[in-house]
N, C-alpha and C. Protein backbone atom coordinates (compact mmCIF):
# COMPACT_ATOMS: atom_id res chain seq x y z
N MET A 1 -3.08 -1.05 -19.04
CA MET A 1 -2.76 -0.87 -17.62
C MET A 1 -2.77 -2.21 -16.90
N SER A 2 -1.94 -2.33 -15.85
CA SER A 2 -1.92 -3.55 -15.06
C SER A 2 -3.10 -3.57 -14.09
N ALA A 3 -3.34 -4.73 -13.49
CA ALA A 3 -4.41 -4.84 -12.51
C ALA A 3 -4.18 -3.87 -11.36
N PHE A 4 -2.92 -3.73 -10.95
CA PHE A 4 -2.62 -2.79 -9.88
C PHE A 4 -2.93 -1.36 -10.30
N GLU A 5 -2.51 -0.98 -11.48
CA GLU A 5 -2.75 0.39 -11.95
C GLU A 5 -4.23 0.69 -12.03
N ASP A 6 -5.02 -0.27 -12.50
CA ASP A 6 -6.46 -0.09 -12.56
C ASP A 6 -7.05 0.12 -11.16
N ALA A 7 -6.62 -0.74 -10.22
CA ALA A 7 -7.14 -0.66 -8.86
C ALA A 7 -6.73 0.65 -8.19
N PHE A 8 -5.49 1.04 -8.41
CA PHE A 8 -4.99 2.27 -7.79
C PHE A 8 -5.68 3.49 -8.37
N ALA A 9 -5.95 3.47 -9.67
CA ALA A 9 -6.65 4.59 -10.29
C ALA A 9 -8.06 4.72 -9.76
N GLU A 10 -8.69 3.57 -9.47
CA GLU A 10 -10.06 3.60 -8.95
C GLU A 10 -10.10 4.14 -7.53
N MET A 11 -9.21 3.67 -6.67
CA MET A 11 -9.16 4.15 -5.29
C MET A 11 -7.74 3.96 -4.75
N PRO A 12 -6.95 5.04 -4.67
CA PRO A 12 -5.54 4.93 -4.29
C PRO A 12 -5.30 4.81 -2.78
N ILE A 13 -5.91 3.79 -2.20
CA ILE A 13 -5.70 3.47 -0.80
C ILE A 13 -5.23 2.02 -0.71
N VAL A 14 -4.16 1.78 0.03
CA VAL A 14 -3.70 0.43 0.32
C VAL A 14 -4.08 0.13 1.76
N ALA A 15 -4.93 -0.86 1.96
CA ALA A 15 -5.33 -1.26 3.30
C ALA A 15 -4.30 -2.24 3.85
N ILE A 16 -3.66 -1.88 4.95
CA ILE A 16 -2.58 -2.67 5.54
C ILE A 16 -3.17 -3.51 6.67
N LEU A 17 -3.19 -4.83 6.49
CA LEU A 17 -3.85 -5.72 7.44
C LEU A 17 -2.82 -6.41 8.34
N ARG A 18 -2.12 -5.62 9.12
CA ARG A 18 -1.10 -6.20 10.00
C ARG A 18 -1.76 -7.03 11.10
N GLY A 19 -1.35 -8.29 11.19
CA GLY A 19 -1.91 -9.17 12.21
C GLY A 19 -3.08 -10.01 11.76
N VAL A 20 -3.52 -9.84 10.51
CA VAL A 20 -4.66 -10.61 10.03
C VAL A 20 -4.28 -12.08 9.88
N ARG A 21 -5.25 -12.96 10.10
CA ARG A 21 -5.03 -14.40 9.95
C ARG A 21 -5.65 -14.88 8.64
N ALA A 22 -5.09 -15.95 8.12
CA ALA A 22 -5.57 -16.48 6.84
C ALA A 22 -7.05 -16.84 6.91
N ALA A 23 -7.49 -17.33 8.05
CA ALA A 23 -8.88 -17.77 8.19
C ALA A 23 -9.89 -16.62 8.11
N GLU A 24 -9.43 -15.40 8.37
CA GLU A 24 -10.35 -14.26 8.40
C GLU A 24 -10.10 -13.26 7.27
N VAL A 25 -9.02 -13.43 6.53
CA VAL A 25 -8.60 -12.38 5.61
C VAL A 25 -9.61 -12.15 4.49
N VAL A 26 -10.27 -13.18 4.01
CA VAL A 26 -11.24 -12.98 2.92
C VAL A 26 -12.45 -12.19 3.42
N ALA A 27 -12.93 -12.48 4.62
CA ALA A 27 -14.07 -11.73 5.16
C ALA A 27 -13.71 -10.26 5.34
N VAL A 28 -12.49 -9.99 5.78
CA VAL A 28 -12.04 -8.61 5.93
C VAL A 28 -11.91 -7.95 4.56
N ALA A 29 -11.36 -8.68 3.60
CA ALA A 29 -11.21 -8.14 2.24
C ALA A 29 -12.57 -7.84 1.61
N GLU A 30 -13.55 -8.69 1.86
CA GLU A 30 -14.90 -8.45 1.35
C GLU A 30 -15.46 -7.14 1.91
N ALA A 31 -15.23 -6.90 3.19
CA ALA A 31 -15.70 -5.67 3.81
C ALA A 31 -14.99 -4.45 3.22
N LEU A 32 -13.70 -4.59 2.97
CA LEU A 32 -12.94 -3.51 2.35
C LEU A 32 -13.44 -3.24 0.94
N TYR A 33 -13.69 -4.31 0.20
CA TYR A 33 -14.17 -4.16 -1.18
C TYR A 33 -15.51 -3.43 -1.20
N ALA A 34 -16.40 -3.82 -0.30
CA ALA A 34 -17.72 -3.18 -0.24
C ALA A 34 -17.61 -1.70 0.08
N SER A 35 -16.54 -1.31 0.80
CA SER A 35 -16.36 0.09 1.16
C SER A 35 -15.74 0.91 0.03
N GLY A 36 -15.18 0.22 -0.98
CA GLY A 36 -14.57 0.93 -2.10
C GLY A 36 -13.08 0.74 -2.22
N ILE A 37 -12.45 0.06 -1.28
CA ILE A 37 -11.00 -0.18 -1.34
C ILE A 37 -10.72 -1.37 -2.25
N ARG A 38 -9.64 -1.27 -3.01
CA ARG A 38 -9.32 -2.27 -4.01
C ARG A 38 -7.93 -2.89 -3.86
N ILE A 39 -7.15 -2.43 -2.87
CA ILE A 39 -5.78 -2.93 -2.70
C ILE A 39 -5.54 -3.33 -1.24
N VAL A 40 -5.01 -4.52 -1.04
CA VAL A 40 -4.77 -5.05 0.30
C VAL A 40 -3.31 -5.47 0.45
N GLU A 41 -2.73 -5.13 1.58
CA GLU A 41 -1.36 -5.54 1.93
C GLU A 41 -1.41 -6.38 3.20
N VAL A 42 -0.77 -7.55 3.15
CA VAL A 42 -0.62 -8.40 4.33
C VAL A 42 0.85 -8.35 4.76
N PRO A 43 1.18 -7.65 5.85
CA PRO A 43 2.57 -7.58 6.29
C PRO A 43 3.13 -8.96 6.65
N MET A 44 4.40 -9.15 6.39
CA MET A 44 5.02 -10.44 6.64
C MET A 44 5.14 -10.77 8.11
N ASN A 45 4.98 -9.79 8.99
CA ASN A 45 5.01 -10.10 10.42
C ASN A 45 3.61 -10.35 10.97
N SER A 46 2.69 -10.71 10.09
CA SER A 46 1.37 -11.22 10.49
C SER A 46 1.53 -12.71 10.80
N PRO A 47 0.52 -13.34 11.44
CA PRO A 47 0.66 -14.73 11.87
C PRO A 47 1.01 -15.73 10.77
N ASP A 48 0.31 -15.67 9.63
CA ASP A 48 0.53 -16.62 8.54
C ASP A 48 0.38 -15.89 7.21
N PRO A 49 1.31 -15.00 6.89
CA PRO A 49 1.14 -14.08 5.77
C PRO A 49 1.02 -14.74 4.41
N ILE A 50 1.85 -15.72 4.12
CA ILE A 50 1.80 -16.35 2.80
C ILE A 50 0.48 -17.09 2.62
N GLU A 51 0.00 -17.74 3.66
CA GLU A 51 -1.30 -18.42 3.60
C GLU A 51 -2.43 -17.40 3.39
N ALA A 52 -2.32 -16.24 4.05
CA ALA A 52 -3.34 -15.21 3.88
C ALA A 52 -3.32 -14.65 2.46
N ILE A 53 -2.13 -14.44 1.93
CA ILE A 53 -2.02 -13.94 0.55
C ILE A 53 -2.61 -14.95 -0.43
N ALA A 54 -2.34 -16.21 -0.21
CA ALA A 54 -2.90 -17.25 -1.08
C ALA A 54 -4.42 -17.29 -0.97
N ALA A 55 -4.95 -17.10 0.25
CA ALA A 55 -6.40 -17.13 0.45
C ALA A 55 -7.09 -16.00 -0.30
N LEU A 56 -6.38 -14.89 -0.51
CA LEU A 56 -6.98 -13.75 -1.20
C LEU A 56 -7.22 -14.01 -2.69
N GLN A 57 -6.81 -15.17 -3.18
CA GLN A 57 -7.18 -15.55 -4.55
C GLN A 57 -8.70 -15.51 -4.72
N ALA A 58 -9.43 -15.64 -3.62
CA ALA A 58 -10.89 -15.55 -3.67
C ALA A 58 -11.38 -14.19 -4.16
N MET A 59 -10.51 -13.18 -4.09
CA MET A 59 -10.87 -11.83 -4.51
C MET A 59 -10.39 -11.52 -5.93
N ARG A 60 -9.89 -12.53 -6.63
CA ARG A 60 -9.34 -12.30 -7.97
C ARG A 60 -10.39 -11.67 -8.88
N GLY A 61 -9.95 -10.68 -9.64
CA GLY A 61 -10.84 -9.97 -10.54
C GLY A 61 -11.52 -8.78 -9.90
N ARG A 62 -11.42 -8.69 -8.56
CA ARG A 62 -12.05 -7.57 -7.86
C ARG A 62 -11.04 -6.71 -7.11
N MET A 63 -10.00 -7.34 -6.58
CA MET A 63 -8.99 -6.62 -5.82
C MET A 63 -7.61 -7.07 -6.25
N VAL A 64 -6.60 -6.32 -5.83
CA VAL A 64 -5.22 -6.76 -5.94
C VAL A 64 -4.63 -6.75 -4.53
N TRP A 65 -3.60 -7.56 -4.31
CA TRP A 65 -3.07 -7.73 -2.96
C TRP A 65 -1.62 -8.17 -3.03
N GLY A 66 -1.01 -8.21 -1.87
CA GLY A 66 0.37 -8.67 -1.80
C GLY A 66 0.87 -8.57 -0.39
N ALA A 67 2.19 -8.45 -0.24
CA ALA A 67 2.82 -8.51 1.06
C ALA A 67 3.50 -7.20 1.42
N GLY A 68 3.59 -6.96 2.72
CA GLY A 68 4.32 -5.82 3.23
C GLY A 68 5.46 -6.27 4.12
N THR A 69 6.30 -5.31 4.50
CA THR A 69 7.48 -5.58 5.33
C THR A 69 8.38 -6.62 4.66
N ILE A 70 8.54 -6.50 3.36
CA ILE A 70 9.43 -7.39 2.60
C ILE A 70 10.85 -6.82 2.69
N LEU A 71 11.75 -7.60 3.26
CA LEU A 71 13.11 -7.14 3.49
C LEU A 71 14.16 -7.89 2.68
N ARG A 72 13.78 -9.01 2.07
CA ARG A 72 14.73 -9.84 1.32
C ARG A 72 14.17 -10.18 -0.05
N ALA A 73 15.04 -10.24 -1.04
CA ALA A 73 14.61 -10.59 -2.39
C ALA A 73 14.00 -11.98 -2.42
N ALA A 74 14.50 -12.89 -1.59
CA ALA A 74 13.97 -14.26 -1.57
C ALA A 74 12.50 -14.29 -1.20
N ASP A 75 12.05 -13.34 -0.38
CA ASP A 75 10.64 -13.31 0.01
C ASP A 75 9.73 -12.92 -1.15
N VAL A 76 10.27 -12.21 -2.11
CA VAL A 76 9.48 -11.80 -3.28
C VAL A 76 8.98 -13.04 -4.03
N ASP A 77 9.83 -14.05 -4.15
CA ASP A 77 9.42 -15.27 -4.84
C ASP A 77 8.25 -15.94 -4.14
N ASN A 78 8.26 -15.94 -2.81
CA ASN A 78 7.16 -16.54 -2.05
C ASN A 78 5.85 -15.79 -2.30
N VAL A 79 5.94 -14.48 -2.37
CA VAL A 79 4.75 -13.68 -2.63
C VAL A 79 4.22 -13.97 -4.03
N ALA A 80 5.11 -14.03 -5.00
CA ALA A 80 4.70 -14.32 -6.38
C ALA A 80 4.04 -15.69 -6.48
N GLN A 81 4.63 -16.69 -5.83
CA GLN A 81 4.08 -18.04 -5.89
C GLN A 81 2.72 -18.14 -5.21
N ALA A 82 2.48 -17.27 -4.22
CA ALA A 82 1.19 -17.27 -3.52
C ALA A 82 0.12 -16.48 -4.27
N GLY A 83 0.51 -15.84 -5.37
CA GLY A 83 -0.46 -15.10 -6.18
C GLY A 83 -0.57 -13.64 -5.86
N GLY A 84 0.43 -13.10 -5.15
CA GLY A 84 0.39 -11.68 -4.81
C GLY A 84 0.70 -10.78 -6.00
N HIS A 85 0.34 -9.51 -5.86
CA HIS A 85 0.57 -8.53 -6.92
C HIS A 85 1.53 -7.42 -6.52
N ILE A 86 1.60 -7.12 -5.22
CA ILE A 86 2.40 -5.99 -4.77
C ILE A 86 3.42 -6.45 -3.73
N VAL A 87 4.54 -5.72 -3.67
CA VAL A 87 5.60 -5.98 -2.71
C VAL A 87 5.94 -4.65 -2.05
N VAL A 88 5.60 -4.53 -0.78
CA VAL A 88 5.77 -3.28 -0.04
C VAL A 88 6.88 -3.46 0.99
N SER A 89 7.77 -2.48 1.05
CA SER A 89 8.90 -2.54 1.98
C SER A 89 8.96 -1.25 2.80
N PRO A 90 9.57 -1.34 3.99
CA PRO A 90 9.76 -0.12 4.78
C PRO A 90 10.99 0.67 4.37
N ASN A 91 11.81 0.06 3.51
CA ASN A 91 13.10 0.66 3.13
C ASN A 91 13.31 0.56 1.63
N THR A 92 14.41 1.16 1.17
CA THR A 92 14.78 1.11 -0.23
C THR A 92 15.82 0.02 -0.41
N ASN A 93 15.39 -1.13 -0.88
CA ASN A 93 16.26 -2.29 -1.08
C ASN A 93 16.27 -2.59 -2.58
N VAL A 94 17.39 -2.32 -3.21
CA VAL A 94 17.48 -2.48 -4.67
C VAL A 94 17.18 -3.90 -5.10
N ALA A 95 17.69 -4.89 -4.36
CA ALA A 95 17.48 -6.30 -4.73
C ALA A 95 16.00 -6.65 -4.68
N VAL A 96 15.28 -6.16 -3.67
CA VAL A 96 13.84 -6.43 -3.56
C VAL A 96 13.08 -5.78 -4.71
N ILE A 97 13.42 -4.55 -5.02
CA ILE A 97 12.75 -3.83 -6.11
C ILE A 97 12.96 -4.56 -7.44
N ARG A 98 14.20 -4.88 -7.72
CA ARG A 98 14.50 -5.52 -9.01
C ARG A 98 13.88 -6.90 -9.12
N ARG A 99 13.88 -7.66 -8.04
CA ARG A 99 13.27 -8.99 -8.08
C ARG A 99 11.76 -8.88 -8.26
N SER A 100 11.16 -7.89 -7.65
CA SER A 100 9.72 -7.68 -7.83
C SER A 100 9.38 -7.42 -9.29
N VAL A 101 10.17 -6.55 -9.92
CA VAL A 101 9.94 -6.24 -11.33
C VAL A 101 10.14 -7.49 -12.18
N GLU A 102 11.18 -8.26 -11.88
CA GLU A 102 11.44 -9.50 -12.63
C GLU A 102 10.27 -10.48 -12.52
N CYS A 103 9.62 -10.50 -11.37
CA CYS A 103 8.50 -11.42 -11.14
C CYS A 103 7.18 -10.86 -11.63
N GLY A 104 7.18 -9.65 -12.19
CA GLY A 104 5.95 -9.05 -12.67
C GLY A 104 5.09 -8.46 -11.58
N LEU A 105 5.68 -8.18 -10.41
CA LEU A 105 4.95 -7.59 -9.29
C LEU A 105 5.26 -6.09 -9.20
N THR A 106 4.42 -5.38 -8.50
CA THR A 106 4.60 -3.93 -8.33
C THR A 106 5.33 -3.65 -7.04
N PRO A 107 6.57 -3.13 -7.11
CA PRO A 107 7.30 -2.80 -5.88
C PRO A 107 6.84 -1.45 -5.33
N MET A 108 6.74 -1.38 -4.02
CA MET A 108 6.39 -0.13 -3.34
C MET A 108 7.39 0.06 -2.20
N PRO A 109 8.61 0.48 -2.52
CA PRO A 109 9.65 0.61 -1.50
C PRO A 109 9.46 1.83 -0.62
N GLY A 110 9.92 1.70 0.63
CA GLY A 110 9.89 2.84 1.53
C GLY A 110 11.04 3.78 1.25
N PHE A 111 10.80 5.08 1.48
CA PHE A 111 11.86 6.07 1.28
C PHE A 111 11.61 7.23 2.23
N ALA A 112 12.64 8.01 2.44
CA ALA A 112 12.50 9.21 3.25
C ALA A 112 13.26 10.39 2.64
N THR A 113 14.33 10.08 1.90
CA THR A 113 15.19 11.13 1.35
C THR A 113 15.13 11.15 -0.17
N ALA A 114 15.64 12.22 -0.74
CA ALA A 114 15.72 12.32 -2.20
C ALA A 114 16.62 11.22 -2.75
N SER A 115 17.70 10.93 -2.06
CA SER A 115 18.62 9.89 -2.54
C SER A 115 17.92 8.54 -2.61
N GLU A 116 17.16 8.20 -1.57
CA GLU A 116 16.43 6.93 -1.56
C GLU A 116 15.37 6.90 -2.65
N ALA A 117 14.69 8.01 -2.84
CA ALA A 117 13.65 8.06 -3.86
C ALA A 117 14.22 7.85 -5.25
N PHE A 118 15.31 8.52 -5.57
CA PHE A 118 15.90 8.37 -6.90
C PHE A 118 16.50 6.98 -7.09
N LEU A 119 17.06 6.40 -6.04
CA LEU A 119 17.59 5.05 -6.14
C LEU A 119 16.46 4.06 -6.41
N ALA A 120 15.34 4.24 -5.74
CA ALA A 120 14.19 3.36 -5.95
C ALA A 120 13.67 3.49 -7.38
N LEU A 121 13.58 4.70 -7.88
CA LEU A 121 13.09 4.93 -9.24
C LEU A 121 14.05 4.32 -10.26
N GLU A 122 15.33 4.50 -10.06
CA GLU A 122 16.33 3.95 -10.98
C GLU A 122 16.32 2.43 -10.98
N SER A 123 15.87 1.84 -9.88
CA SER A 123 15.84 0.38 -9.75
C SER A 123 14.57 -0.24 -10.31
N GLY A 124 13.62 0.60 -10.69
CA GLY A 124 12.42 0.08 -11.33
C GLY A 124 11.11 0.35 -10.62
N ALA A 125 11.15 1.04 -9.50
CA ALA A 125 9.91 1.37 -8.77
C ALA A 125 9.28 2.63 -9.34
N ARG A 126 7.98 2.75 -9.14
CA ARG A 126 7.27 3.96 -9.52
C ARG A 126 6.48 4.51 -8.34
N CYS A 127 5.89 3.60 -7.55
CA CYS A 127 5.15 3.99 -6.35
C CYS A 127 6.10 3.98 -5.16
N LEU A 128 6.24 5.12 -4.52
CA LEU A 128 7.20 5.28 -3.44
C LEU A 128 6.46 5.54 -2.13
N LYS A 129 6.77 4.73 -1.14
CA LYS A 129 6.11 4.79 0.17
C LYS A 129 6.91 5.70 1.11
N LEU A 130 6.40 6.87 1.41
CA LEU A 130 7.05 7.74 2.38
C LEU A 130 6.75 7.21 3.77
N PHE A 131 7.80 6.74 4.45
CA PHE A 131 7.59 6.05 5.73
C PHE A 131 8.72 6.36 6.70
N PRO A 132 8.35 6.61 7.97
CA PRO A 132 6.99 6.84 8.48
C PRO A 132 6.56 8.27 8.22
N ALA A 133 5.43 8.43 7.60
CA ALA A 133 5.00 9.74 7.11
C ALA A 133 4.79 10.74 8.24
N SER A 134 4.28 10.29 9.37
CA SER A 134 3.92 11.22 10.44
C SER A 134 5.12 11.97 11.00
N THR A 135 6.30 11.38 10.93
CA THR A 135 7.47 12.05 11.49
C THR A 135 8.14 13.00 10.50
N TYR A 136 7.70 12.98 9.24
CA TYR A 136 8.24 13.88 8.23
C TYR A 136 7.26 15.01 7.92
N GLY A 137 6.01 14.67 7.73
CA GLY A 137 5.01 15.69 7.49
C GLY A 137 4.86 16.10 6.04
N PRO A 138 3.73 16.73 5.70
CA PRO A 138 3.47 17.14 4.32
C PRO A 138 4.52 18.09 3.74
N GLY A 139 5.09 18.94 4.59
CA GLY A 139 6.09 19.88 4.09
C GLY A 139 7.31 19.18 3.52
N HIS A 140 7.68 18.06 4.13
CA HIS A 140 8.81 17.27 3.64
C HIS A 140 8.53 16.73 2.25
N LEU A 141 7.33 16.20 2.09
CA LEU A 141 6.97 15.66 0.78
C LEU A 141 6.88 16.76 -0.27
N LYS A 142 6.31 17.89 0.09
CA LYS A 142 6.19 18.99 -0.87
C LYS A 142 7.57 19.40 -1.40
N ALA A 143 8.55 19.45 -0.50
CA ALA A 143 9.90 19.82 -0.93
C ALA A 143 10.50 18.77 -1.84
N LEU A 144 10.27 17.49 -1.53
CA LEU A 144 10.79 16.41 -2.37
C LEU A 144 10.13 16.40 -3.74
N LYS A 145 8.85 16.68 -3.79
CA LYS A 145 8.13 16.66 -5.07
C LYS A 145 8.66 17.70 -6.04
N ALA A 146 9.32 18.71 -5.53
CA ALA A 146 9.88 19.75 -6.41
C ALA A 146 11.01 19.20 -7.27
N VAL A 147 11.63 18.10 -6.83
CA VAL A 147 12.75 17.55 -7.59
C VAL A 147 12.46 16.17 -8.17
N LEU A 148 11.44 15.49 -7.68
CA LEU A 148 11.14 14.15 -8.18
C LEU A 148 10.47 14.23 -9.55
N PRO A 149 10.69 13.25 -10.41
CA PRO A 149 10.04 13.25 -11.73
C PRO A 149 8.53 13.06 -11.58
N SER A 150 7.80 13.51 -12.57
CA SER A 150 6.34 13.48 -12.49
C SER A 150 5.77 12.07 -12.38
N GLU A 151 6.51 11.07 -12.89
CA GLU A 151 5.98 9.70 -12.84
C GLU A 151 6.11 9.06 -11.46
N ALA A 152 6.83 9.70 -10.55
CA ALA A 152 6.96 9.16 -9.19
C ALA A 152 5.66 9.40 -8.42
N VAL A 153 5.08 8.33 -7.90
CA VAL A 153 3.83 8.42 -7.15
C VAL A 153 4.16 8.29 -5.66
N ALA A 154 3.93 9.34 -4.90
CA ALA A 154 4.26 9.35 -3.48
C ALA A 154 3.05 8.89 -2.66
N ILE A 155 3.30 7.92 -1.77
CA ILE A 155 2.24 7.34 -0.95
C ILE A 155 2.67 7.41 0.51
N PRO A 156 2.16 8.38 1.27
CA PRO A 156 2.53 8.43 2.69
C PRO A 156 1.89 7.29 3.47
N VAL A 157 2.66 6.72 4.38
CA VAL A 157 2.21 5.60 5.20
C VAL A 157 2.74 5.79 6.61
N GLY A 158 1.88 5.57 7.59
CA GLY A 158 2.31 5.67 8.98
C GLY A 158 1.75 6.91 9.65
N GLY A 159 0.63 6.74 10.35
CA GLY A 159 0.02 7.87 11.04
C GLY A 159 -0.73 8.82 10.13
N VAL A 160 -1.17 8.33 8.99
CA VAL A 160 -1.89 9.17 8.02
C VAL A 160 -3.32 8.66 7.92
N GLY A 161 -4.26 9.38 8.51
CA GLY A 161 -5.66 8.98 8.47
C GLY A 161 -6.49 9.97 7.69
N PRO A 162 -7.80 9.77 7.65
CA PRO A 162 -8.68 10.67 6.91
C PRO A 162 -8.53 12.14 7.28
N ALA A 163 -8.24 12.43 8.54
CA ALA A 163 -8.14 13.82 8.97
C ALA A 163 -6.95 14.54 8.34
N HIS A 164 -5.97 13.78 7.85
CA HIS A 164 -4.76 14.39 7.31
C HIS A 164 -4.69 14.35 5.78
N MET A 165 -5.64 13.70 5.14
CA MET A 165 -5.53 13.47 3.70
C MET A 165 -5.45 14.74 2.88
N ALA A 166 -6.22 15.74 3.22
CA ALA A 166 -6.24 16.98 2.42
C ALA A 166 -4.87 17.65 2.41
N ASP A 167 -4.23 17.71 3.58
CA ASP A 167 -2.90 18.34 3.65
C ASP A 167 -1.88 17.56 2.84
N TRP A 168 -1.92 16.24 2.94
CA TRP A 168 -0.97 15.42 2.19
C TRP A 168 -1.22 15.52 0.69
N TRP A 169 -2.48 15.52 0.29
CA TRP A 169 -2.81 15.62 -1.14
C TRP A 169 -2.29 16.94 -1.70
N ALA A 170 -2.48 18.02 -0.95
CA ALA A 170 -2.00 19.33 -1.39
C ALA A 170 -0.48 19.35 -1.51
N ALA A 171 0.19 18.52 -0.72
CA ALA A 171 1.66 18.46 -0.75
C ALA A 171 2.19 17.59 -1.88
N GLY A 172 1.29 16.86 -2.55
CA GLY A 172 1.72 16.04 -3.68
C GLY A 172 1.51 14.55 -3.53
N ALA A 173 0.97 14.10 -2.40
CA ALA A 173 0.66 12.68 -2.25
C ALA A 173 -0.43 12.30 -3.24
N ARG A 174 -0.34 11.09 -3.79
CA ARG A 174 -1.37 10.63 -4.72
C ARG A 174 -1.90 9.24 -4.36
N GLY A 175 -1.72 8.89 -3.09
CA GLY A 175 -2.24 7.65 -2.56
C GLY A 175 -1.90 7.57 -1.09
N PHE A 176 -2.49 6.60 -0.40
CA PHE A 176 -2.26 6.47 1.03
C PHE A 176 -2.22 5.00 1.43
N GLY A 177 -1.35 4.69 2.38
CA GLY A 177 -1.36 3.38 3.00
C GLY A 177 -1.94 3.53 4.39
N LEU A 178 -3.02 2.83 4.66
CA LEU A 178 -3.72 2.95 5.94
C LEU A 178 -3.66 1.64 6.70
N GLY A 179 -3.09 1.68 7.90
CA GLY A 179 -2.99 0.48 8.72
C GLY A 179 -4.02 0.48 9.82
N SER A 180 -3.61 0.89 11.03
CA SER A 180 -4.53 0.87 12.17
C SER A 180 -5.71 1.82 11.98
N GLU A 181 -5.59 2.72 11.00
CA GLU A 181 -6.73 3.61 10.72
C GLU A 181 -7.94 2.83 10.19
N VAL A 182 -7.68 1.67 9.57
CA VAL A 182 -8.80 0.87 9.06
C VAL A 182 -8.85 -0.54 9.63
N TYR A 183 -7.70 -1.05 10.13
CA TYR A 183 -7.69 -2.43 10.63
C TYR A 183 -6.71 -2.61 11.79
N LYS A 184 -7.19 -3.31 12.81
CA LYS A 184 -6.35 -3.78 13.91
C LYS A 184 -6.62 -5.26 14.09
N ALA A 185 -5.61 -6.00 14.49
CA ALA A 185 -5.74 -7.46 14.62
C ALA A 185 -6.97 -7.84 15.44
N GLY A 186 -7.77 -8.73 14.86
CA GLY A 186 -8.97 -9.21 15.54
C GLY A 186 -10.21 -8.37 15.32
N MET A 187 -10.08 -7.26 14.61
CA MET A 187 -11.23 -6.38 14.39
C MET A 187 -12.27 -7.05 13.51
N ALA A 188 -13.54 -6.88 13.85
CA ALA A 188 -14.63 -7.48 13.08
C ALA A 188 -14.73 -6.84 11.71
N PRO A 189 -15.09 -7.62 10.69
CA PRO A 189 -15.20 -7.07 9.33
C PRO A 189 -16.13 -5.86 9.24
N ASP A 190 -17.22 -5.85 9.99
CA ASP A 190 -18.14 -4.71 9.93
C ASP A 190 -17.46 -3.42 10.34
N GLU A 191 -16.64 -3.48 11.39
CA GLU A 191 -15.91 -2.30 11.85
C GLU A 191 -14.86 -1.89 10.84
N VAL A 192 -14.19 -2.86 10.25
CA VAL A 192 -13.21 -2.57 9.20
C VAL A 192 -13.90 -1.84 8.05
N GLY A 193 -15.04 -2.35 7.64
CA GLY A 193 -15.77 -1.73 6.55
C GLY A 193 -16.19 -0.31 6.87
N ARG A 194 -16.62 -0.07 8.10
CA ARG A 194 -17.05 1.27 8.50
C ARG A 194 -15.89 2.25 8.43
N ARG A 195 -14.74 1.84 8.97
CA ARG A 195 -13.57 2.71 8.96
C ARG A 195 -13.08 2.96 7.53
N ALA A 196 -13.09 1.90 6.74
CA ALA A 196 -12.63 2.03 5.36
C ALA A 196 -13.55 2.95 4.56
N ALA A 197 -14.85 2.84 4.78
CA ALA A 197 -15.80 3.69 4.07
C ALA A 197 -15.57 5.16 4.39
N GLU A 198 -15.22 5.46 5.63
CA GLU A 198 -14.92 6.83 6.01
C GLU A 198 -13.69 7.34 5.27
N ALA A 199 -12.67 6.50 5.18
CA ALA A 199 -11.44 6.90 4.48
C ALA A 199 -11.70 7.11 3.00
N VAL A 200 -12.47 6.21 2.40
CA VAL A 200 -12.79 6.32 0.98
C VAL A 200 -13.58 7.59 0.70
N ALA A 201 -14.57 7.88 1.51
CA ALA A 201 -15.40 9.07 1.31
C ALA A 201 -14.55 10.33 1.44
N THR A 202 -13.64 10.33 2.40
CA THR A 202 -12.77 11.49 2.57
C THR A 202 -11.86 11.70 1.38
N LEU A 203 -11.28 10.62 0.89
CA LEU A 203 -10.37 10.75 -0.25
C LEU A 203 -11.11 11.15 -1.51
N TRP A 204 -12.32 10.64 -1.71
CA TRP A 204 -13.12 11.07 -2.86
C TRP A 204 -13.33 12.58 -2.81
N ALA A 205 -13.66 13.09 -1.62
CA ALA A 205 -13.91 14.53 -1.48
C ALA A 205 -12.62 15.33 -1.74
N VAL A 206 -11.49 14.82 -1.26
CA VAL A 206 -10.22 15.50 -1.46
C VAL A 206 -9.85 15.50 -2.94
N ARG A 207 -10.00 14.38 -3.59
CA ARG A 207 -9.62 14.28 -5.02
C ARG A 207 -10.50 15.16 -5.89
N ASN A 208 -11.76 15.24 -5.56
CA ASN A 208 -12.71 15.94 -6.42
C ASN A 208 -12.97 17.37 -5.96
N GLY A 209 -12.32 17.76 -4.88
CA GLY A 209 -12.54 19.11 -4.36
C GLY A 209 -11.64 20.11 -5.02
């Protein structure tokens, strides 16, 4: 298994740190790690995303990380050079997916329809980000799961917090991307850790219930 697969199997939550700065990202990641989260995404519309991704090398061997809001294949190379592991997009971009695979990174493209999901899978993705999840709902995912292959891993992102995890899990979700539910720009690491611990405890209960 890859480092990402190991981390995802341990705790299938991606903590989305939109707005985080390179100077604080390791302290925030440490708080997330202590709470049980093992995967971090730094969106490209954060202040200094590539520097933050590079700084996360301090978490090597404990967490995996990468970039979000990747819209161009050229950005994948920057993430790879900075030591990232994952490439998350809001859309289904074949060039981004294929370049991620070529670089040995895990693509997590956004999708909403069956057509987008199958295109992403055919292009080399396995983890599919349903985005924005809140406007589609668990029923949408349940219907899609009826036709998607078993190896497709659906990860709702956008307005999905601990209170909604049970419904999404029952619909076929097998991971979650959490943004403002665990982190907002400037938030102290202690608060991040508290929120993350709540999400982790909820997902443990959902998975084992």
